[in-house]
Amino acid sequence: MKKNLRTQIAERIQSILSEKGLRQQDLADSAGLTKSYVSQIMHGTVNLTLETIESLQKALSVPIIEIPRS
């Protein structure tokens, strides 16, 4: 069964957090989000805005998703 995009993003973020030895609270603090909201992201229960994805990517210093450029 194919995973939905929210689940794929959550798994990607979890992988990055594990690699960097960070907690959800660390990500929340760095991205200017609440821990509760980050938890919702990690459970795949919220639709992310482009602004939130950008904040997460800046906080993690790596791309979460890649958008093909023409």
PDB file of N, CA and C in Angstrom:
ATOM      1  N   MET A   1       0.828  -1.174   0.000  1.00  0.00           N
ATOM      2  CA  MET A   1       0.000   0.000   0.000  1.00  0.00           C
ATOM      3  C   MET A   1       0.879   1.246   0.000  1.00  0.00           C
ATOM      4  N   LYS A   2       0.541   2.196  -0.852  1.00  0.00           N
ATOM      5  CA  LYS A   2       1.325   3.411  -0.982  1.00  0.00           C
ATOM      6  C   LYS A   2       1.035   4.370   0.180  1.00  0.00           C
ATOM      7  N   LYS A   3       2.099   4.921   0.765  1.00  0.00           N
ATOM      8  CA  LYS A   3       1.953   5.852   1.873  1.00  0.00           C
ATOM      9  C   LYS A   3       1.557   7.214   1.333  1.00  0.00           C
ATOM     10  N   ASN A   4       0.705   7.919   2.094  1.00  0.00           N
ATOM     11  CA  ASN A   4       0.332   9.254   1.656  1.00  0.00           C
ATOM     12  C   ASN A   4       1.489  10.218   1.908  1.00  0.00           C
ATOM     13  N   LEU A   5       1.399  11.371   1.318  1.00  0.00           N
ATOM     14  CA  LEU A   5       2.494  12.341   1.374  1.00  0.00           C
ATOM     15  C   LEU A   5       2.765  12.801   2.806  1.00  0.00           C
ATOM     16  N   ARG A   6       1.708  12.990   3.601  1.00  0.00           N
ATOM     17  CA  ARG A   6       1.921  13.417   4.993  1.00  0.00           C
ATOM     18  C   ARG A   6       2.746  12.393   5.762  1.00  0.00           C
ATOM     19  N   THR A   7       2.469  11.115   5.531  1.00  0.00           N
ATOM     20  CA  THR A   7       3.229  10.046   6.203  1.00  0.00           C
ATOM     21  C   THR A   7       4.667  10.023   5.717  1.00  0.00           C
ATOM     22  N   GLN A   8       4.873  10.206   4.436  1.00  0.00           N
ATOM     23  CA  GLN A   8       6.228  10.225   3.886  1.00  0.00           C
ATOM     24  C   GLN A   8       7.035  11.380   4.465  1.00  0.00           C
ATOM     25  N   ILE A   9       6.413  12.551   4.585  1.00  0.00           N
ATOM     26  CA  ILE A   9       7.102  13.707   5.156  1.00  0.00           C
ATOM     27  C   ILE A   9       7.429  13.450   6.618  1.00  0.00           C
ATOM     28  N   ALA A  10       6.477  12.905   7.367  1.00  0.00           N
ATOM     29  CA  ALA A  10       6.709  12.601   8.784  1.00  0.00           C
ATOM     30  C   ALA A  10       7.870  11.627   8.952  1.00  0.00           C
ATOM     31  N   GLU A  11       7.915  10.607   8.126  1.00  0.00           N
ATOM     32  CA  GLU A  11       9.009   9.634   8.197  1.00  0.00           C
ATOM     33  C   GLU A  11      10.343  10.280   7.843  1.00  0.00           C
ATOM     34  N   ARG A  12      10.331  11.169   6.868  1.00  0.00           N
ATOM     35  CA  ARG A  12      11.563  11.869   6.475  1.00  0.00           C
ATOM     36  C   ARG A  12      12.063  12.737   7.632  1.00  0.00           C
ATOM     37  N   ILE A  13      11.148  13.465   8.256  1.00  0.00           N
ATOM     38  CA  ILE A  13      11.537  14.319   9.378  1.00  0.00           C
ATOM     39  C   ILE A  13      12.069  13.465  10.526  1.00  0.00           C
ATOM     40  N   GLN A  14      11.403  12.365  10.830  1.00  0.00           N
ATOM     41  CA  GLN A  14      11.860  11.487  11.914  1.00  0.00           C
ATOM     42  C   GLN A  14      13.257  10.954  11.631  1.00  0.00           C
ATOM     43  N   SER A  15      13.507  10.597  10.392  1.00  0.00           N
ATOM     44  CA  SER A  15      14.827  10.103  10.010  1.00  0.00           C
ATOM     45  C   SER A  15      15.892  11.182  10.221  1.00  0.00           C
ATOM     46  N   ILE A  16      15.581  12.405   9.821  1.00  0.00           N
ATOM     47  CA  ILE A  16      16.533  13.512   9.982  1.00  0.00           C
ATOM     48  C   ILE A  16      16.776  13.789  11.462  1.00  0.00           C
ATOM     49  N   LEU A  17      15.706  13.798  12.253  1.00  0.00           N
ATOM     50  CA  LEU A  17      15.861  14.025  13.688  1.00  0.00           C
ATOM     51  C   LEU A  17      16.757  12.961  14.311  1.00  0.00           C
ATOM     52  N   SER A  18      16.547  11.714  13.937  1.00  0.00           N
ATOM     53  CA  SER A  18      17.365  10.620  14.467  1.00  0.00           C
ATOM     54  C   SER A  18      18.821  10.778  14.074  1.00  0.00           C
ATOM     55  N   GLU A  19      19.065  11.098  12.793  1.00  0.00           N
ATOM     56  CA  GLU A  19      20.437  11.276  12.310  1.00  0.00           C
ATOM     57  C   GLU A  19      21.158  12.387  13.052  1.00  0.00           C
ATOM     58  N   LYS A  20      20.420  13.461  13.377  1.00  0.00           N
ATOM     59  CA  LYS A  20      21.035  14.621  14.019  1.00  0.00           C
ATOM     60  C   LYS A  20      20.973  14.560  15.541  1.00  0.00           C
ATOM     61  N   GLY A  21      20.339  13.516  16.077  1.00  0.00           N
ATOM     62  CA  GLY A  21      20.219  13.389  17.528  1.00  0.00           C
ATOM     63  C   GLY A  21      19.341  14.464  18.140  1.00  0.00           C
ATOM     64  N   LEU A  22      18.307  14.872  17.410  1.00  0.00           N
ATOM     65  CA  LEU A  22      17.404  15.921  17.881  1.00  0.00           C
ATOM     66  C   LEU A  22      16.073  15.336  18.332  1.00  0.00           C
ATOM     67  N   ARG A  23      15.378  16.104  19.170  1.00  0.00           N
ATOM     68  CA  ARG A  23      14.048  15.722  19.623  1.00  0.00           C
ATOM     69  C   ARG A  23      13.015  16.606  18.918  1.00  0.00           C
ATOM     70  N   GLN A  24      11.759  16.211  19.015  1.00  0.00           N
ATOM     71  CA  GLN A  24      10.690  17.022  18.440  1.00  0.00           C
ATOM     72  C   GLN A  24      10.692  18.422  19.049  1.00  0.00           C
ATOM     73  N   GLN A  25      10.973  18.522  20.337  1.00  0.00           N
ATOM     74  CA  GLN A  25      11.015  19.836  20.992  1.00  0.00           C
ATOM     75  C   GLN A  25      12.105  20.704  20.395  1.00  0.00           C
ATOM     76  N   ASP A  26      13.251  20.115  20.071  1.00  0.00           N
ATOM     77  CA  ASP A  26      14.334  20.871  19.441  1.00  0.00           C
ATOM     78  C   ASP A  26      13.875  21.432  18.098  1.00  0.00           C
ATOM     79  N   LEU A  27      13.186  20.599  17.326  1.00  0.00           N
ATOM     80  CA  LEU A  27      12.680  21.038  16.031  1.00  0.00           C
ATOM     81  C   LEU A  27      11.646  22.137  16.209  1.00  0.00           C
ATOM     82  N   ALA A  28      10.754  21.964  17.149  1.00  0.00           N
ATOM     83  CA  ALA A  28       9.727  22.974  17.403  1.00  0.00           C
ATOM     84  C   ALA A  28      10.363  24.318  17.739  1.00  0.00           C
ATOM     85  N   ASP A  29      11.337  24.296  18.627  1.00  0.00           N
ATOM     86  CA  ASP A  29      12.024  25.531  19.022  1.00  0.00           C
ATOM     87  C   ASP A  29      12.721  26.184  17.832  1.00  0.00           C
ATOM     88  N   SER A  30      13.433  25.400  17.033  1.00  0.00           N
ATOM     89  CA  SER A  30      14.189  25.937  15.903  1.00  0.00           C
ATOM     90  C   SER A  30      13.290  26.460  14.790  1.00  0.00           C
ATOM     91  N   ALA A  31      12.136  25.820  14.613  1.00  0.00           N
ATOM     92  CA  ALA A  31      11.235  26.190  13.521  1.00  0.00           C
ATOM     93  C   ALA A  31      10.183  27.220  13.945  1.00  0.00           C
ATOM     94  N   GLY A  32      10.161  27.561  15.227  1.00  0.00           N
ATOM     95  CA  GLY A  32       9.171  28.515  15.708  1.00  0.00           C
ATOM     96  C   GLY A  32       7.767  27.937  15.756  1.00  0.00           C
ATOM     97  N   LEU A  33       7.684  26.645  16.044  1.00  0.00           N
ATOM     98  CA  LEU A  33       6.399  25.943  16.119  1.00  0.00           C
ATOM     99  C   LEU A  33       6.202  25.408  17.528  1.00  0.00           C
ATOM    100  N   THR A  34       4.980  25.023  17.843  1.00  0.00           N
ATOM    101  CA  THR A  34       4.746  24.402  19.140  1.00  0.00           C
ATOM    102  C   THR A  34       5.086  22.919  19.064  1.00  0.00           C
ATOM    103  N   LYS A  35       5.423  22.343  20.210  1.00  0.00           N
ATOM    104  CA  LYS A  35       5.701  20.911  20.249  1.00  0.00           C
ATOM    105  C   LYS A  35       4.462  20.117  19.849  1.00  0.00           C
ATOM    106  N   SER A  36       3.312  20.606  20.237  1.00  0.00           N
ATOM    107  CA  SER A  36       2.052  19.947  19.885  1.00  0.00           C
ATOM    108  C   SER A  36       1.866  19.887  18.369  1.00  0.00           C
ATOM    109  N   TYR A  37       2.176  20.994  17.689  1.00  0.00           N
ATOM    110  CA  TYR A  37       2.022  21.024  16.237  1.00  0.00           C
ATOM    111  C   TYR A  37       3.026  20.094  15.566  1.00  0.00           C
ATOM    112  N   VAL A  38       4.254  20.080  16.053  1.00  0.00           N
ATOM    113  CA  VAL A  38       5.264  19.169  15.511  1.00  0.00           C
ATOM    114  C   VAL A  38       4.822  17.722  15.726  1.00  0.00           C
ATOM    115  N   SER A  39       4.239  17.436  16.870  1.00  0.00           N
ATOM    116  CA  SER A  39       3.728  16.090  17.129  1.00  0.00           C
ATOM    117  C   SER A  39       2.642  15.716  16.121  1.00  0.00           C
ATOM    118  N   GLN A  40       1.760  16.650  15.812  1.00  0.00           N
ATOM    119  CA  GLN A  40       0.720  16.404  14.807  1.00  0.00           C
ATOM    120  C   GLN A  40       1.338  16.142  13.441  1.00  0.00           C
ATOM    121  N   ILE A  41       2.377  16.882  13.116  1.00  0.00           N
ATOM    122  CA  ILE A  41       3.083  16.659  11.852  1.00  0.00           C
ATOM    123  C   ILE A  41       3.648  15.246  11.826  1.00  0.00           C
ATOM    124  N   MET A  42       4.267  14.851  12.935  1.00  0.00           N
ATOM    125  CA  MET A  42       4.907  13.547  13.009  1.00  0.00           C
ATOM    126  C   MET A  42       3.910  12.396  12.968  1.00  0.00           C
ATOM    127  N   HIS A  43       2.663  12.667  13.327  1.00  0.00           N
ATOM    128  CA  HIS A  43       1.612  11.660  13.242  1.00  0.00           C
ATOM    129  C   HIS A  43       0.859  11.732  11.910  1.00  0.00           C
ATOM    130  N   GLY A  44       1.242  12.694  11.059  1.00  0.00           N
ATOM    131  CA  GLY A  44       0.618  12.814   9.750  1.00  0.00           C
ATOM    132  C   GLY A  44      -0.828  13.257   9.796  1.00  0.00           C
ATOM    133  N   THR A  45      -1.180  14.045  10.808  1.00  0.00           N
ATOM    134  CA  THR A  45      -2.578  14.446  10.961  1.00  0.00           C
ATOM    135  C   THR A  45      -2.871  15.867  10.503  1.00  0.00           C
ATOM    136  N   VAL A  46      -1.862  16.597  10.040  1.00  0.00           N
ATOM    137  CA  VAL A  46      -2.092  17.970   9.567  1.00  0.00           C
ATOM    138  C   VAL A  46      -1.585  18.117   8.136  1.00  0.00           C
ATOM    139  N   ASN A  47      -2.244  19.001   7.416  1.00  0.00           N
ATOM    140  CA  ASN A  47      -1.766  19.364   6.087  1.00  0.00           C
ATOM    141  C   ASN A  47      -0.809  20.532   6.249  1.00  0.00           C
ATOM    142  N   LEU A  48       0.389  20.375   5.767  1.00  0.00           N
ATOM    143  CA  LEU A  48       1.412  21.400   5.934  1.00  0.00           C
ATOM    144  C   LEU A  48       1.303  22.468   4.855  1.00  0.00           C
ATOM    145  N   THR A  49       1.503  23.708   5.272  1.00  0.00           N
ATOM    146  CA  THR A  49       1.591  24.794   4.304  1.00  0.00           C
ATOM    147  C   THR A  49       3.009  24.836   3.757  1.00  0.00           C
ATOM    148  N   LEU A  50       3.185  25.496   2.657  1.00  0.00           N
ATOM    149  CA  LEU A  50       4.528  25.657   2.106  1.00  0.00           C
ATOM    150  C   LEU A  50       5.416  26.423   3.075  1.00  0.00           C
ATOM    151  N   GLU A  51       4.835  27.384   3.780  1.00  0.00           N
ATOM    152  CA  GLU A  51       5.606  28.161   4.746  1.00  0.00           C
ATOM    153  C   GLU A  51       6.110  27.269   5.891  1.00  0.00           C
ATOM    154  N   THR A  52       5.268  26.346   6.347  1.00  0.00           N
ATOM    155  CA  THR A  52       5.683  25.445   7.417  1.00  0.00           C
ATOM    156  C   THR A  52       6.775  24.499   6.932  1.00  0.00           C
ATOM    157  N   ILE A  53       6.620  23.983   5.728  1.00  0.00           N
ATOM    158  CA  ILE A  53       7.661  23.114   5.167  1.00  0.00           C
ATOM    159  C   ILE A  53       8.974  23.872   5.066  1.00  0.00           C
ATOM    160  N   GLU A  54       8.900  25.119   4.622  1.00  0.00           N
ATOM    161  CA  GLU A  54      10.109  25.939   4.523  1.00  0.00           C
ATOM    162  C   GLU A  54      10.739  26.146   5.899  1.00  0.00           C
ATOM    163  N   SER A  55       9.933  26.415   6.922  1.00  0.00           N
ATOM    164  CA  SER A  55      10.450  26.598   8.290  1.00  0.00           C
ATOM    165  C   SER A  55      11.124  25.331   8.803  1.00  0.00           C
ATOM    166  N   LEU A  56      10.494  24.188   8.533  1.00  0.00           N
ATOM    167  CA  LEU A  56      11.070  22.915   8.960  1.00  0.00           C
ATOM    168  C   LEU A  56      12.393  22.644   8.256  1.00  0.00           C
ATOM    169  N   GLN A  57      12.434  22.899   6.965  1.00  0.00           N
ATOM    170  CA  GLN A  57      13.672  22.669   6.209  1.00  0.00           C
ATOM    171  C   GLN A  57      14.793  23.572   6.705  1.00  0.00           C
ATOM    172  N   LYS A  58      14.486  24.829   6.984  1.00  0.00           N
ATOM    173  CA  LYS A  58      15.513  25.748   7.505  1.00  0.00           C
ATOM    174  C   LYS A  58      15.997  25.290   8.871  1.00  0.00           C
ATOM    175  N   ALA A  59      15.059  24.857   9.716  1.00  0.00           N
ATOM    176  CA  ALA A  59      15.424  24.411  11.060  1.00  0.00           C
ATOM    177  C   ALA A  59      16.298  23.162  11.014  1.00  0.00           C
ATOM    178  N   LEU A  60      16.033  22.283  10.051  1.00  0.00           N
ATOM    179  CA  LEU A  60      16.783  21.030   9.937  1.00  0.00           C
ATOM    180  C   LEU A  60      18.020  21.152   9.049  1.00  0.00           C
ATOM    181  N   SER A  61      18.110  22.229   8.293  1.00  0.00           N
ATOM    182  CA  SER A  61      19.227  22.486   7.364  1.00  0.00           C
ATOM    183  C   SER A  61      19.355  21.438   6.268  1.00  0.00           C
ATOM    184  N   VAL A  62      18.251  20.785   5.957  1.00  0.00           N
ATOM    185  CA  VAL A  62      18.211  19.820   4.851  1.00  0.00           C
ATOM    186  C   VAL A  62      16.818  19.861   4.219  1.00  0.00           C
ATOM    187  N   PRO A  63      16.737  19.499   2.931  1.00  0.00           N
ATOM    188  CA  PRO A  63      15.413  19.472   2.309  1.00  0.00           C
ATOM    189  C   PRO A  63      14.566  18.319   2.852  1.00  0.00           C
ATOM    190  N   ILE A  64      13.298  18.601   3.046  1.00  0.00           N
ATOM    191  CA  ILE A  64      12.344  17.571   3.454  1.00  0.00           C
ATOM    192  C   ILE A  64      11.707  16.996   2.204  1.00  0.00           C
ATOM    193  N   ILE A  65      11.359  17.884   1.288  1.00  0.00           N
ATOM    194  CA  ILE A  65      10.824  17.462  -0.007  1.00  0.00           C
ATOM    195  C   ILE A  65      11.615  18.178  -1.077  1.00  0.00           C
ATOM    196  N   GLU A  66      11.637  17.610  -2.250  1.00  0.00           N
ATOM    197  CA  GLU A  66      12.333  18.238  -3.352  1.00  0.00           C
ATOM    198  C   GLU A  66      11.330  18.544  -4.450  1.00  0.00           C
ATOM    199  N   ILE A  67      11.355  19.776  -4.894  1.00  0.00           N
ATOM    200  CA  ILE A  67      10.465  20.219  -5.958  1.00  0.00           C
ATOM    201  C   ILE A  67      11.302  20.337  -7.217  1.00  0.00           C
ATOM    202  N   PRO A  68      10.939  19.596  -8.258  1.00  0.00           N
ATOM    203  CA  PRO A  68      11.708  19.670  -9.505  1.00  0.00           C
ATOM    204  C   PRO A  68      11.670  21.093 -10.072  1.00  0.00           C
ATOM    205  N   ARG A  69      12.790  21.545 -10.533  1.00  0.00           N
ATOM    206  CA  ARG A  69      12.862  22.873 -11.164  1.00  0.00           C
ATOM    207  C   ARG A  69      12.989  22.684 -12.662  1.00  0.00           C
ATOM    208  N   SER A  70      12.320  23.549 -13.364  1.00  0.00           N
ATOM    209  CA  SER A  70      12.392  23.422 -14.833  1.00  0.00           C
ATOM    210  C   SER A  70      13.494  24.262 -15.421  1.00  0.00           C
TER     211      SER A  70
END
